[in-house]
Amino acid sequence: LLNLFIAILIQGFAEQKAVQLQENLLKMQEGLLKKLGGLREDDLATKIETLFESIDADGSGVIDKFELKGALEELEINLRPKELQDLVKKYDVDGSGTIDFEEFLSMIKELVKKAEMAVAGEQEDAPGPEGSSPGKIKRRASTIDDSELAKAKAMHDATQAARDNVKHSAATTARNKSLYIFTEKNPVRVLCTYIAGHPYFDKLILSCIFMSSVCLGIERPEIGDNSPEREALKNIDVFLNIMFLSEAVFKVVSLSFSEYIKNGWNRLDFMIVTTSLLDWGLTEGLKDANVDLTVLKIFRIFRIFRALRPLRIIARARGLRILVSTLMSSIKPVMNTVGIALSVFAVFGVLGMQLLSGKMRFCSDPKVFLKENCVGETEDGELRMWMSHPVHFDDIVNAIRALFILATQDDWPDHMWAGVDATGNKSGRWQNRNEVYILYYIFCIMVAGYLIVNIFVGVFVDCYNAAASDMEQPQEPKKISTSKLQDVFDDPESAIRLKICDTVATSAFDLFIAFFISTNVITMAMESFKQSEWQNVFGVFTNFFFAFVFGFECAFKMWAFRPRRYFSSGWNRFDFFI
């Protein structure tokens, strides 16, 4: 039942996201209508071309989701990554992951049409200017017809062709060359691309990452500088540096350095490889030189970055990437949730201060009740002290801390009974003095421990789903199963067997057997330790009775279906085993 809190919260998040998405789309439609509405036909094609070029920041002739996100942010529209990706997919007819000009025209036509319908609906009953009838829209309807779209597309094609003719020669050559040396068909680049993309090479790098993690884990101060173990670790470190450097070189040559460094995980790999090489080069280069040892210790700070090597496995595991993306994307909503939690804790903390502030006091000597008598020493020679319960409501800070402890449900019954036993600031505990305070503690646990904590769970689930959707990969078409098809059996020729088959295959027969199964469970639950004689007799009788019923079912099914058909079902095999 408590998990229903999570389900309700996630459903609420989904509904709120849907409402916010609808509001954002309406704002986008209104913004486009403002940019394109009321224009003359001659100006409309030019305006669409200008709008497309303003969104296509890199001049590639297509709009990717990052450029679309920037254009929407200028209209003060913030879409989540999943919503932005769905918007691109909606108009990406060719499945390229981007929106070309023709798809952009289709999007403009649909959005402006929806915007006009929305505006017309709002202005339908609005009073018009003096002398005009209500419901008339004074400005020209801005419906975009096919001739205007065709004109805009022709202008775009002409502009794009002119731009491509100017940039084709230099830009294409620079873009297709890796490190300004290797072209796409260069044998070295082809070989590096083959090696970097080979699954066995990826498995080899994963093994090296695992080996590096093991070596980092067995490092300890007791290893001597000249011991065989230290020499083995040094040799392994050199091997790992060479492998990771080789991977970086293969990828840089294959992708070009500019493309390689765009990926965040590649930047992490490059930083780890660079610092490892600096550490190894400086250590080996200055090892035999007459240099102060403190200088070498300064350079050993580069070894800190070797601890980041296990993180490289995240780039190769989609599940881990989703988790990291979830943690990063949940920072802002979690901070908002923390604000909500602190507000709720503060409200309940103030209520707790009104009920229990200064009252949860007691003497260290349980025999003393009043504060004025809590002086001197006990019979054991210990000094008597007047103290508060560790979880109290004396001020707002400790009240919020108490609510946090109750939310974690850490030893909450003892904290609750301490509040129930509270009497006053000058008197100690009195058992069950204020039993009504139990309601306060339980309500705090219900709100703080279940509702607020599950809000955090709901936030992380929502962020996880968004991260998983953002990283979803196109699924390959399902292969036709070549497994053996299930056997098809003919109905019995005998009229009696056919009648029994029809009977045991009905839902009514299943409910009939289910009744006996439930009854059998109830009779088995009636057994007890040191049971009476009638219980023993009743148990034996019911055991024989239900064994006969279930045996009768098994025998009839096996006779009607024949063993081969009967044992083809897994449930029948289970029933026969029982």
Protein backbone atom coordinates (compact mmCIF):
# COMPACT_ATOMS: atom_id res chain seq x y z
CA LEU A 1 0.00 0.00 0.00
CA LEU A 2 2.82 2.38 0.78
CA ASN A 3 4.17 1.92 -2.74
CA LEU A 4 0.94 3.49 -3.97
CA PHE A 5 2.44 6.79 -2.82
CA ILE A 6 5.19 6.39 -5.41
CA ALA A 7 2.75 5.40 -8.15
CA ILE A 8 0.48 8.37 -7.40
CA LEU A 9 3.41 10.80 -7.32
CA ILE A 10 4.83 9.51 -10.61
CA GLN A 11 1.38 9.79 -12.18
CA GLY A 12 1.16 13.35 -10.88
CA PHE A 13 4.56 14.15 -12.36
CA ALA A 14 3.47 12.76 -15.72
CA GLU A 15 0.25 14.77 -15.72
CA GLN A 16 2.08 17.96 -14.75
CA LYS A 17 4.65 17.37 -17.50
CA ALA A 18 1.87 16.86 -20.04
CA VAL A 19 0.20 20.13 -19.02
CA GLN A 20 3.51 21.99 -19.14
CA LEU A 21 4.33 20.49 -22.56
CA GLN A 22 0.96 21.60 -23.91
CA GLU A 23 1.55 25.11 -22.60
CA ASN A 24 5.00 25.20 -24.22
CA LEU A 25 3.60 24.05 -27.57
CA LEU A 26 0.93 26.74 -27.41
CA LYS A 27 3.60 29.34 -26.69
CA MET A 28 5.60 28.04 -29.65
CA GLN A 29 2.56 28.28 -31.92
CA GLU A 30 1.83 31.82 -30.76
CA GLY A 31 5.46 32.81 -31.32
CA LEU A 32 5.42 31.44 -34.88
CA LEU A 33 2.10 33.13 -35.58
CA LYS A 34 3.57 36.41 -34.37
CA LYS A 35 6.58 35.97 -36.67
CA LEU A 36 4.68 34.76 -39.75
CA GLY A 37 1.12 35.98 -39.37
CA GLY A 38 -0.23 38.99 -41.25
CA LEU A 39 2.51 38.97 -43.90
CA ARG A 40 2.02 39.46 -47.61
CA GLU A 41 2.61 36.42 -49.79
CA ASP A 42 5.78 37.96 -51.21
CA ASP A 43 7.20 38.49 -47.73
CA LEU A 44 6.11 35.15 -46.29
CA ALA A 45 8.53 32.97 -48.29
CA THR A 46 11.42 35.28 -47.42
CA LYS A 47 10.43 35.24 -43.73
CA ILE A 48 10.37 31.44 -43.59
CA GLU A 49 13.79 31.26 -45.25
CA THR A 50 15.17 33.82 -42.79
CA LEU A 51 13.64 31.94 -39.85
CA PHE A 52 15.20 28.65 -40.97
CA GLU A 53 18.64 30.26 -41.39
CA SER A 54 18.39 31.86 -37.94
CA ILE A 55 17.71 28.46 -36.36
CA ASP A 56 20.34 26.62 -38.47
CA ALA A 57 23.25 28.15 -36.55
CA ASP A 58 26.02 26.07 -38.15
CA GLY A 59 24.74 26.53 -41.72
CA SER A 60 24.57 22.79 -42.32
CA GLY A 61 21.20 23.03 -44.10
CA VAL A 62 19.46 20.96 -41.40
CA ILE A 63 18.25 21.71 -37.87
CA ASP A 64 19.36 19.36 -35.10
CA LYS A 65 17.74 19.17 -31.68
CA PHE A 66 20.33 21.46 -30.07
CA GLU A 67 19.66 24.23 -32.60
CA LEU A 68 15.92 23.73 -32.16
CA LYS A 69 16.35 23.94 -28.39
CA GLY A 70 18.18 27.26 -28.74
CA ALA A 71 15.44 28.66 -30.97
CA LEU A 72 12.76 27.59 -28.50
CA GLU A 73 14.65 29.12 -25.58
CA GLU A 74 14.58 32.46 -27.43
CA LEU A 75 10.79 32.13 -27.32
CA GLU A 76 11.08 31.37 -23.56
CA ILE A 77 10.08 27.76 -24.15
CA ASN A 78 11.99 25.13 -22.19
CA LEU A 79 11.42 21.54 -23.25
CA ARG A 80 12.84 18.50 -21.50
CA PRO A 81 15.29 16.36 -23.52
CA LYS A 82 12.65 13.66 -24.07
CA GLU A 83 10.05 16.22 -25.19
CA LEU A 84 12.55 17.89 -27.52
CA GLN A 85 13.53 14.53 -28.99
CA ASP A 86 9.87 13.61 -29.53
CA LEU A 87 9.27 16.97 -31.25
CA VAL A 88 12.16 16.32 -33.66
CA LYS A 89 10.94 12.77 -34.32
CA LYS A 90 7.45 14.03 -35.09
CA TYR A 91 8.61 16.04 -38.10
CA ASP A 92 11.72 14.00 -39.00
CA VAL A 93 10.14 12.06 -41.85
CA ASP A 94 13.34 10.53 -43.24
CA GLY A 95 14.58 9.41 -39.78
CA SER A 96 17.89 11.27 -40.05
CA GLY A 97 17.62 12.74 -36.55
CA THR A 98 17.49 16.28 -37.98
CA ILE A 99 14.90 18.50 -39.68
CA ASP A 100 15.65 19.60 -43.23
CA PHE A 101 13.96 22.54 -44.93
CA GLU A 102 11.11 20.51 -46.41
CA GLU A 103 10.31 18.98 -43.02
CA PHE A 104 10.63 22.46 -41.51
CA LEU A 105 8.00 23.76 -43.95
CA SER A 106 5.66 20.94 -42.94
CA MET A 107 6.19 21.79 -39.28
CA ILE A 108 5.56 25.51 -39.90
CA LYS A 109 2.36 24.80 -41.80
CA GLU A 110 0.97 22.52 -39.07
CA LEU A 111 1.94 24.74 -36.15
CA VAL A 112 0.65 27.96 -37.73
CA LYS A 113 -2.61 26.20 -38.59
CA LYS A 114 -3.03 25.07 -34.99
CA ALA A 115 -2.08 28.53 -33.73
CA GLU A 116 -4.67 30.18 -35.96
CA MET A 117 -7.34 27.77 -34.76
CA ALA A 118 -6.44 28.55 -31.16
CA VAL A 119 -6.42 32.33 -31.74
CA ALA A 120 -9.66 32.16 -33.73
CA GLY A 121 -11.29 30.23 -30.91
CA GLU A 122 -10.24 32.85 -28.38
CA GLN A 123 -11.39 35.76 -30.58
CA GLU A 124 -14.61 34.16 -31.81
CA ASP A 125 -16.74 35.73 -29.12
CA ALA A 126 -14.63 38.84 -28.62
CA PRO A 127 -16.41 42.13 -29.47
CA GLY A 128 -15.02 43.73 -32.65
CA PRO A 129 -14.23 47.37 -33.26
CA GLU A 130 -17.01 49.92 -33.45
CA GLY A 131 -19.17 49.27 -36.47
CA SER A 132 -18.05 45.67 -36.95
CA SER A 133 -19.77 42.51 -35.92
CA PRO A 134 -18.46 40.37 -33.04
CA GLY A 135 -16.25 37.47 -33.93
CA LYS A 136 -14.60 39.13 -36.92
CA ILE A 137 -10.83 39.01 -36.95
CA LYS A 138 -9.67 42.27 -38.37
CA ARG A 139 -6.25 41.18 -39.59
CA ARG A 140 -5.78 38.93 -42.57
CA ALA A 141 -5.86 35.20 -41.93
CA SER A 142 -2.34 33.91 -42.17
CA THR A 143 -3.03 30.48 -43.58
CA ILE A 144 0.00 29.20 -45.46
CA ASP A 145 -0.99 27.55 -48.71
CA ASP A 146 1.08 25.20 -50.85
CA SER A 147 2.15 27.90 -53.33
CA GLU A 148 3.77 29.93 -50.57
CA LEU A 149 5.54 26.83 -49.25
CA ALA A 150 6.78 25.95 -52.73
CA LYS A 151 8.11 29.46 -53.20
CA ALA A 152 9.90 29.35 -49.85
CA LYS A 153 11.44 25.97 -50.69
CA ALA A 154 12.66 27.24 -54.07
CA MET A 155 14.32 30.24 -52.40
CA HIS A 156 15.97 27.98 -49.84
CA ASP A 157 17.26 25.54 -52.46
CA ALA A 158 18.77 28.39 -54.45
CA THR A 159 20.43 29.89 -51.36
CA GLN A 160 21.73 26.53 -50.18
CA ALA A 161 23.12 25.65 -53.61
CA ALA A 162 24.97 28.96 -53.79
CA ARG A 163 26.37 28.46 -50.30
CA ASP A 164 27.48 24.90 -51.06
CA ASN A 165 29.26 25.99 -54.24
CA VAL A 166 31.25 28.57 -52.29
CA LYS A 167 32.17 26.39 -49.34
CA HIS A 168 32.38 22.98 -50.96
CA SER A 169 35.99 22.90 -51.93
CA ALA A 170 37.76 24.19 -48.78
CA ALA A 171 35.23 23.17 -46.15
CA THR A 172 34.71 19.64 -47.42
CA THR A 173 38.42 18.98 -47.67
CA ALA A 174 39.08 20.29 -44.17
CA ARG A 175 36.15 18.35 -42.73
CA ASN A 176 37.05 15.06 -44.37
CA LYS A 177 40.69 15.11 -43.30
CA SER A 178 41.73 13.83 -39.90
CA LEU A 179 44.57 15.83 -38.31
CA TYR A 180 44.76 17.66 -41.69
CA ILE A 181 46.65 14.61 -43.04
CA PHE A 182 44.50 11.50 -43.33
CA THR A 183 41.60 11.51 -45.76
CA GLU A 184 38.62 9.20 -45.41
CA LYS A 185 40.13 6.66 -47.81
CA ASN A 186 43.64 6.83 -46.38
CA PRO A 187 44.77 3.26 -45.47
CA VAL A 188 46.01 4.39 -42.04
CA ARG A 189 42.69 6.02 -41.19
CA VAL A 190 40.73 3.05 -42.53
CA LEU A 191 42.82 0.71 -40.36
CA CYS A 192 42.37 2.90 -37.26
CA THR A 193 38.62 3.06 -37.87
CA TYR A 194 38.46 -0.72 -38.20
CA ILE A 195 40.47 -1.32 -35.01
CA ALA A 196 38.64 1.33 -32.92
CA GLY A 197 35.25 -0.04 -33.94
CA HIS A 198 36.05 -3.72 -33.58
CA PRO A 199 34.19 -5.38 -30.69
CA TYR A 200 37.27 -7.39 -29.66
CA PHE A 201 39.27 -4.17 -29.27
CA ASP A 202 36.51 -2.75 -27.07
CA LYS A 203 36.62 -5.90 -24.92
CA LEU A 204 40.41 -5.59 -24.68
CA ILE A 205 40.09 -2.00 -23.41
CA LEU A 206 37.46 -3.13 -20.88
CA SER A 207 39.88 -5.78 -19.66
CA CYS A 208 42.59 -3.14 -19.32
CA ILE A 209 40.23 -0.92 -17.31
CA PHE A 210 39.45 -3.87 -15.05
CA MET A 211 43.16 -4.64 -14.68
CA SER A 212 43.86 -1.00 -13.83
CA SER A 213 41.14 -1.03 -11.18
CA VAL A 214 42.62 -4.17 -9.62
CA CYS A 215 46.11 -2.62 -9.56
CA LEU A 216 44.78 0.55 -7.96
CA GLY A 217 42.96 -1.57 -5.38
CA ILE A 218 46.01 -3.56 -4.26
CA GLU A 219 48.21 -0.47 -3.83
CA ARG A 220 49.36 -0.10 -0.21
CA PRO A 221 52.23 1.57 1.66
CA GLU A 222 53.80 -1.76 2.69
CA ILE A 223 54.96 -2.50 -0.88
CA GLY A 224 58.70 -1.82 -1.04
CA ASP A 225 60.19 0.30 -3.82
CA ASN A 226 62.44 -2.53 -5.02
CA SER A 227 60.13 -5.44 -4.28
CA PRO A 228 58.97 -7.78 -7.09
CA GLU A 229 55.38 -6.69 -6.49
CA ARG A 230 56.29 -3.03 -7.05
CA GLU A 231 58.16 -3.91 -10.24
CA ALA A 232 55.18 -5.91 -11.49
CA LEU A 233 52.83 -3.00 -10.79
CA LYS A 234 55.16 -0.60 -12.64
CA ASN A 235 55.32 -2.89 -15.68
CA ILE A 236 51.56 -3.31 -15.71
CA ASP A 237 51.14 0.46 -15.44
CA VAL A 238 53.41 0.99 -18.45
CA PHE A 239 51.43 -1.59 -20.42
CA LEU A 240 48.14 0.06 -19.50
CA ASN A 241 49.44 3.51 -20.45
CA ILE A 242 50.46 2.17 -23.87
CA MET A 243 47.05 0.51 -24.39
CA PHE A 244 45.06 3.60 -23.40
CA LEU A 245 47.32 5.82 -25.50
CA SER A 246 46.83 3.48 -28.46
CA GLU A 247 43.05 3.65 -28.03
CA ALA A 248 43.14 7.47 -27.99
CA VAL A 249 45.39 7.58 -31.07
CA PHE A 250 43.14 5.18 -33.00
CA LYS A 251 40.04 7.21 -32.18
CA VAL A 252 41.69 10.58 -32.96
CA VAL A 253 42.91 9.35 -36.34
CA SER A 254 39.55 7.73 -37.07
CA LEU A 255 37.29 10.63 -36.04
CA SER A 256 39.66 13.64 -36.22
CA PHE A 257 40.62 15.43 -33.01
CA SER A 258 37.82 18.01 -33.26
CA GLU A 259 35.15 15.30 -33.45
CA TYR A 260 36.86 13.14 -30.83
CA ILE A 261 37.05 15.90 -28.23
CA LYS A 262 33.37 16.87 -28.63
CA ASN A 263 32.28 13.83 -26.63
CA GLY A 264 32.43 14.34 -22.86
CA TRP A 265 33.56 10.79 -22.14
CA ASN A 266 36.33 11.11 -24.73
CA ARG A 267 37.48 14.27 -22.96
CA LEU A 268 37.64 12.31 -19.71
CA ASP A 269 39.65 9.55 -21.44
CA PHE A 270 42.00 12.11 -22.98
CA MET A 271 42.59 13.82 -19.63
CA ILE A 272 43.35 10.50 -17.89
CA VAL A 273 45.71 9.39 -20.66
CA THR A 274 47.52 12.76 -20.70
CA THR A 275 47.99 12.92 -16.93
CA SER A 276 49.13 9.29 -16.80
CA LEU A 277 51.72 9.96 -19.51
CA LEU A 278 52.91 13.10 -17.70
CA ASP A 279 53.23 11.17 -14.45
CA TRP A 280 55.11 8.31 -16.11
CA GLY A 281 57.32 10.57 -18.24
CA LEU A 282 58.32 12.90 -15.42
CA THR A 283 58.93 10.02 -13.01
CA GLU A 284 61.14 8.13 -15.48
CA GLY A 285 62.85 11.24 -16.82
CA LEU A 286 63.81 12.64 -13.43
CA LYS A 287 64.51 9.31 -11.78
CA ASP A 288 68.27 9.35 -12.39
CA ALA A 289 68.64 13.14 -12.37
CA ASN A 290 69.99 15.05 -9.41
CA VAL A 291 66.60 16.48 -8.44
CA ASP A 292 65.17 17.04 -4.99
CA LEU A 293 62.75 14.26 -4.07
CA THR A 294 60.15 16.81 -3.00
CA VAL A 295 59.91 17.91 -6.64
CA LEU A 296 59.07 14.37 -7.69
CA LYS A 297 56.39 14.21 -4.99
CA ILE A 298 54.77 17.32 -6.46
CA PHE A 299 54.51 15.61 -9.84
CA ARG A 300 52.93 12.56 -8.22
CA ILE A 301 49.72 14.53 -7.94
CA PHE A 302 49.06 13.38 -11.51
CA ARG A 303 48.60 9.88 -10.12
CA ILE A 304 45.38 11.06 -8.53
CA PHE A 305 43.77 11.08 -11.96
CA ARG A 306 44.55 7.39 -12.39
CA ALA A 307 41.78 6.77 -9.87
CA LEU A 308 39.38 8.01 -12.54
CA ARG A 309 40.21 5.11 -14.84
CA PRO A 310 37.32 2.94 -13.59
CA LEU A 311 34.96 5.73 -14.69
CA ARG A 312 35.86 4.98 -18.29
CA ILE A 313 33.72 1.87 -18.13
CA ILE A 314 30.68 4.14 -17.79
CA ALA A 315 31.16 5.34 -21.37
CA ARG A 316 30.87 1.74 -22.57
CA ALA A 317 27.89 0.63 -20.49
CA ARG A 318 24.54 2.17 -21.44
CA GLY A 319 22.99 1.33 -18.08
CA LEU A 320 25.75 3.13 -16.18
CA ARG A 321 25.50 6.13 -18.51
CA ILE A 322 21.78 6.31 -17.76
CA LEU A 323 22.47 6.24 -14.02
CA VAL A 324 25.07 9.01 -14.26
CA SER A 325 22.78 11.07 -16.45
CA THR A 326 19.98 10.50 -13.94
CA LEU A 327 22.13 11.79 -11.08
CA MET A 328 23.21 14.84 -13.05
CA SER A 329 19.74 15.70 -14.36
CA SER A 330 18.10 15.18 -10.96
CA ILE A 331 20.21 17.81 -9.14
CA LYS A 332 17.84 20.69 -9.87
CA PRO A 333 14.53 18.87 -9.17
CA VAL A 334 16.06 17.29 -6.05
CA MET A 335 17.06 20.74 -4.77
CA ASN A 336 13.48 21.89 -5.34
CA THR A 337 12.25 18.83 -3.46
CA VAL A 338 14.68 19.58 -0.63
CA GLY A 339 13.09 23.03 -0.36
CA ILE A 340 9.64 21.45 -0.16
CA ALA A 341 10.85 18.94 2.45
CA LEU A 342 12.43 21.66 4.61
CA SER A 343 9.22 23.69 4.43
CA VAL A 344 7.14 20.70 5.54
CA PHE A 345 9.65 19.86 8.27
CA ALA A 346 9.57 23.47 9.46
CA VAL A 347 5.75 23.48 9.66
CA PHE A 348 5.61 20.23 11.61
CA GLY A 349 8.63 21.35 13.65
CA VAL A 350 6.82 24.50 14.77
CA LEU A 351 3.81 22.38 15.72
CA GLY A 352 6.13 20.07 17.69
CA MET A 353 7.63 23.10 19.46
CA GLN A 354 4.16 24.19 20.56
CA LEU A 355 3.49 20.75 21.98
CA LEU A 356 6.86 19.63 23.39
CA SER A 357 9.27 22.59 23.56
CA GLY A 358 11.24 22.31 26.81
CA LYS A 359 9.16 19.39 28.06
CA MET A 360 11.33 16.43 27.01
CA ARG A 361 13.65 16.75 30.01
CA PHE A 362 14.63 14.20 32.64
CA CYS A 363 17.20 13.54 35.31
CA SER A 364 20.06 11.13 34.72
CA ASP A 365 18.94 9.40 37.93
CA PRO A 366 15.66 7.62 37.02
CA LYS A 367 14.58 7.80 40.68
CA VAL A 368 14.41 11.60 40.58
CA PHE A 369 11.35 13.23 38.99
CA LEU A 370 11.69 16.97 39.67
CA LYS A 371 14.47 19.22 38.43
CA GLU A 372 15.02 20.77 41.87
CA ASN A 373 15.89 17.33 43.28
CA CYS A 374 18.28 16.48 40.44
CA VAL A 375 21.40 17.53 42.37
CA GLY A 376 24.27 15.74 44.05
CA GLU A 377 25.33 12.22 43.29
CA THR A 378 23.55 8.93 42.81
CA GLU A 379 24.04 5.86 45.00
CA ASP A 380 26.73 4.73 42.56
CA GLY A 381 28.63 7.98 42.97
CA GLU A 382 27.68 9.45 39.56
CA LEU A 383 26.80 13.14 39.28
CA ARG A 384 23.09 13.81 38.66
CA MET A 385 22.42 15.85 35.51
CA TRP A 386 19.22 17.45 34.14
CA MET A 387 19.21 16.71 30.39
CA SER A 388 17.04 16.63 27.31
CA HIS A 389 16.11 13.66 25.17
CA PRO A 390 18.48 13.42 22.15
CA VAL A 391 15.59 14.06 19.75
CA HIS A 392 13.65 17.05 21.06
CA PHE A 393 11.75 20.14 19.92
CA ASP A 394 13.33 22.87 22.04
CA ASP A 395 14.12 25.10 19.01
CA ILE A 396 13.42 25.15 15.27
CA VAL A 397 16.79 23.67 14.29
CA ASN A 398 16.41 20.67 16.60
CA ALA A 399 12.76 20.38 15.60
CA ILE A 400 13.68 20.06 11.90
CA ARG A 401 16.42 17.58 12.87
CA ALA A 402 13.84 15.57 14.83
CA LEU A 403 11.51 15.50 11.82
CA PHE A 404 14.40 14.30 9.63
CA ILE A 405 15.15 11.47 12.09
CA LEU A 406 11.48 10.52 12.16
CA ALA A 407 11.45 10.54 8.35
CA THR A 408 14.31 8.03 8.31
CA GLN A 409 12.34 5.97 10.90
CA ASP A 410 15.54 5.43 12.84
CA ASP A 411 14.46 4.10 16.26
CA TRP A 412 11.26 6.13 15.95
CA PRO A 413 9.25 4.23 18.65
CA ASP A 414 11.69 5.32 21.39
CA HIS A 415 11.51 8.94 20.20
CA MET A 416 7.72 8.75 20.13
CA TRP A 417 7.46 7.31 23.66
CA ALA A 418 9.85 10.00 24.90
CA GLY A 419 7.39 12.61 23.63
CA VAL A 420 4.42 10.72 25.08
CA ASP A 421 6.14 10.54 28.50
CA ALA A 422 7.08 14.26 28.50
CA THR A 423 5.58 16.32 31.36
CA GLY A 424 7.22 19.75 31.65
CA ASN A 425 10.46 21.72 31.74
CA LYS A 426 10.89 21.19 35.50
CA SER A 427 9.63 17.63 35.77
CA GLY A 428 10.85 14.36 34.33
CA ARG A 429 9.21 11.50 32.48
CA TRP A 430 5.82 10.08 33.39
CA GLN A 431 4.81 6.97 31.51
CA ASN A 432 2.00 7.53 28.98
CA ARG A 433 1.34 11.04 30.23
CA ASN A 434 0.20 12.36 26.83
CA GLU A 435 -0.96 9.43 24.72
CA VAL A 436 -2.65 11.77 22.28
CA TYR A 437 0.83 12.81 21.08
CA ILE A 438 1.04 9.41 19.40
CA LEU A 439 -1.18 10.86 16.66
CA TYR A 440 1.31 13.69 16.08
CA TYR A 441 4.26 11.31 15.70
CA ILE A 442 2.39 8.92 13.43
CA PHE A 443 1.17 11.79 11.26
CA CYS A 444 4.73 13.14 11.03
CA ILE A 445 5.99 9.72 9.94
CA MET A 446 3.20 9.38 7.38
CA VAL A 447 3.95 12.78 5.83
CA ALA A 448 7.71 13.05 6.31
CA GLY A 449 8.63 9.37 6.14
CA TYR A 450 6.37 8.23 3.35
CA LEU A 451 5.12 11.19 1.33
CA ILE A 452 8.24 13.40 1.32
CA VAL A 453 10.71 10.53 0.95
CA ASN A 454 8.67 9.04 -1.88
CA ILE A 455 8.68 12.42 -3.63
CA PHE A 456 12.45 12.00 -3.87
CA VAL A 457 11.94 8.48 -5.23
CA GLY A 458 9.46 9.81 -7.76
CA VAL A 459 11.88 12.52 -8.88
CA PHE A 460 14.65 9.99 -9.47
CA VAL A 461 12.30 7.62 -11.31
CA ASP A 462 11.13 10.48 -13.52
CA CYS A 463 14.71 11.58 -14.25
CA TYR A 464 15.73 7.97 -14.92
CA ASN A 465 12.93 7.51 -17.46
CA ALA A 466 13.85 10.78 -19.14
CA ALA A 467 17.55 9.79 -19.29
CA ALA A 468 16.70 6.33 -20.62
CA SER A 469 14.46 7.83 -23.31
CA ASP A 470 17.13 10.35 -24.29
CA MET A 471 19.65 7.53 -24.75
CA GLU A 472 17.32 5.08 -26.40
CA GLN A 473 18.81 3.38 -29.42
CA PRO A 474 16.93 2.39 -32.56
CA GLN A 475 15.76 -1.15 -32.14
CA GLU A 476 16.70 -3.67 -34.76
CA PRO A 477 13.80 -5.45 -36.44
CA LYS A 478 12.90 -8.65 -34.68
CA LYS A 479 14.27 -11.73 -36.32
CA ILE A 480 11.88 -14.45 -37.27
CA SER A 481 12.13 -17.18 -34.68
CA THR A 482 13.46 -20.42 -36.06
CA SER A 483 12.52 -22.36 -32.93
CA LYS A 484 10.26 -25.35 -33.19
CA LEU A 485 6.57 -24.54 -33.49
CA GLN A 486 4.24 -25.83 -30.83
CA ASP A 487 2.52 -29.07 -31.56
CA VAL A 488 -1.06 -28.87 -32.75
CA PHE A 489 -3.31 -31.68 -31.55
CA ASP A 490 -6.56 -32.84 -33.07
CA ASP A 491 -9.67 -33.16 -30.97
CA PRO A 492 -10.51 -36.68 -29.79
CA GLU A 493 -12.68 -38.75 -32.07
CA SER A 494 -14.49 -40.42 -29.20
CA ALA A 495 -17.64 -38.55 -28.15
CA ILE A 496 -17.01 -39.23 -24.43
CA ARG A 497 -13.39 -38.03 -24.56
CA LEU A 498 -14.44 -34.98 -26.58
CA LYS A 499 -17.08 -34.15 -23.98
CA ILE A 500 -14.54 -34.46 -21.17
CA CYS A 501 -12.03 -32.32 -23.09
CA ASP A 502 -14.62 -29.59 -23.54
CA THR A 503 -15.50 -29.81 -19.84
CA VAL A 504 -11.98 -29.64 -18.34
CA ALA A 505 -11.03 -26.78 -20.70
CA THR A 506 -13.78 -24.46 -19.46
CA SER A 507 -13.37 -21.62 -16.97
CA ALA A 508 -16.08 -23.13 -14.79
CA PHE A 509 -14.00 -26.30 -14.28
CA ASP A 510 -10.94 -24.19 -13.45
CA LEU A 511 -12.93 -22.26 -10.84
CA PHE A 512 -14.23 -25.58 -9.47
CA ILE A 513 -10.66 -26.86 -8.97
CA ALA A 514 -9.55 -23.47 -7.63
CA PHE A 515 -12.24 -23.77 -4.94
CA PHE A 516 -10.78 -27.07 -3.75
CA ILE A 517 -7.24 -25.63 -3.86
CA SER A 518 -8.31 -22.73 -1.62
CA THR A 519 -10.14 -25.09 0.72
CA ASN A 520 -7.08 -27.31 0.90
CA VAL A 521 -4.92 -24.35 1.90
CA ILE A 522 -7.39 -23.44 4.66
CA THR A 523 -7.44 -26.97 6.06
CA MET A 524 -3.62 -27.12 6.01
CA ALA A 525 -3.54 -23.83 7.93
CA MET A 526 -5.65 -25.37 10.70
CA GLU A 527 -2.75 -27.53 11.84
CA SER A 528 -1.09 -26.49 15.09
CA PHE A 529 1.61 -27.54 17.51
CA LYS A 530 0.45 -30.29 19.94
CA GLN A 531 -2.91 -30.46 18.18
CA SER A 532 -5.83 -32.48 19.52
CA GLU A 533 -6.97 -35.89 18.33
CA TRP A 534 -9.84 -34.50 16.24
CA GLN A 535 -7.36 -32.26 14.41
CA ASN A 536 -5.24 -35.30 13.54
CA VAL A 537 -8.27 -37.22 12.25
CA PHE A 538 -9.53 -34.18 10.35
CA GLY A 539 -6.10 -33.66 8.76
CA VAL A 540 -5.87 -37.28 7.57
CA PHE A 541 -9.41 -37.24 6.20
CA THR A 542 -8.98 -33.94 4.31
CA ASN A 543 -5.60 -35.08 2.97
CA PHE A 544 -7.15 -38.21 1.43
CA PHE A 545 -10.16 -36.25 0.17
CA PHE A 546 -8.12 -33.58 -1.65
CA ALA A 547 -5.67 -36.17 -2.95
CA PHE A 548 -8.65 -37.97 -4.48
CA VAL A 549 -10.05 -34.72 -6.00
CA PHE A 550 -6.76 -33.64 -7.57
CA GLY A 551 -5.96 -37.21 -8.64
CA PHE A 552 -9.39 -37.41 -10.25
CA GLU A 553 -8.64 -34.17 -12.18
CA CYS A 554 -5.23 -35.45 -13.30
CA ALA A 555 -6.55 -38.83 -14.40
CA PHE A 556 -9.48 -37.38 -16.34
CA LYS A 557 -7.26 -34.84 -18.15
CA MET A 558 -4.67 -37.45 -19.01
CA TRP A 559 -7.31 -39.86 -20.34
CA ALA A 560 -9.06 -37.15 -22.34
CA PHE A 561 -5.93 -35.47 -23.76
CA ARG A 562 -3.65 -38.50 -23.91
CA PRO A 563 -0.24 -38.26 -22.15
CA ARG A 564 1.59 -36.52 -25.01
CA ARG A 565 -0.85 -33.63 -25.18
CA TYR A 566 -1.26 -33.52 -21.39
CA PHE A 567 2.47 -33.25 -20.65
CA SER A 568 2.99 -30.61 -23.38
CA SER A 569 1.66 -28.04 -20.88
CA GLY A 570 4.01 -26.86 -18.14
CA TRP A 571 1.18 -26.39 -15.65
CA ASN A 572 0.01 -29.94 -16.24
CA ARG A 573 3.51 -31.22 -15.57
CA PHE A 574 3.56 -29.20 -12.35
CA ASP A 575 0.15 -30.59 -11.29
CA PHE A 576 1.29 -34.14 -12.01
CA PHE A 577 4.43 -33.59 -9.90
CA ILE A 578 2.33 -32.29 -6.97
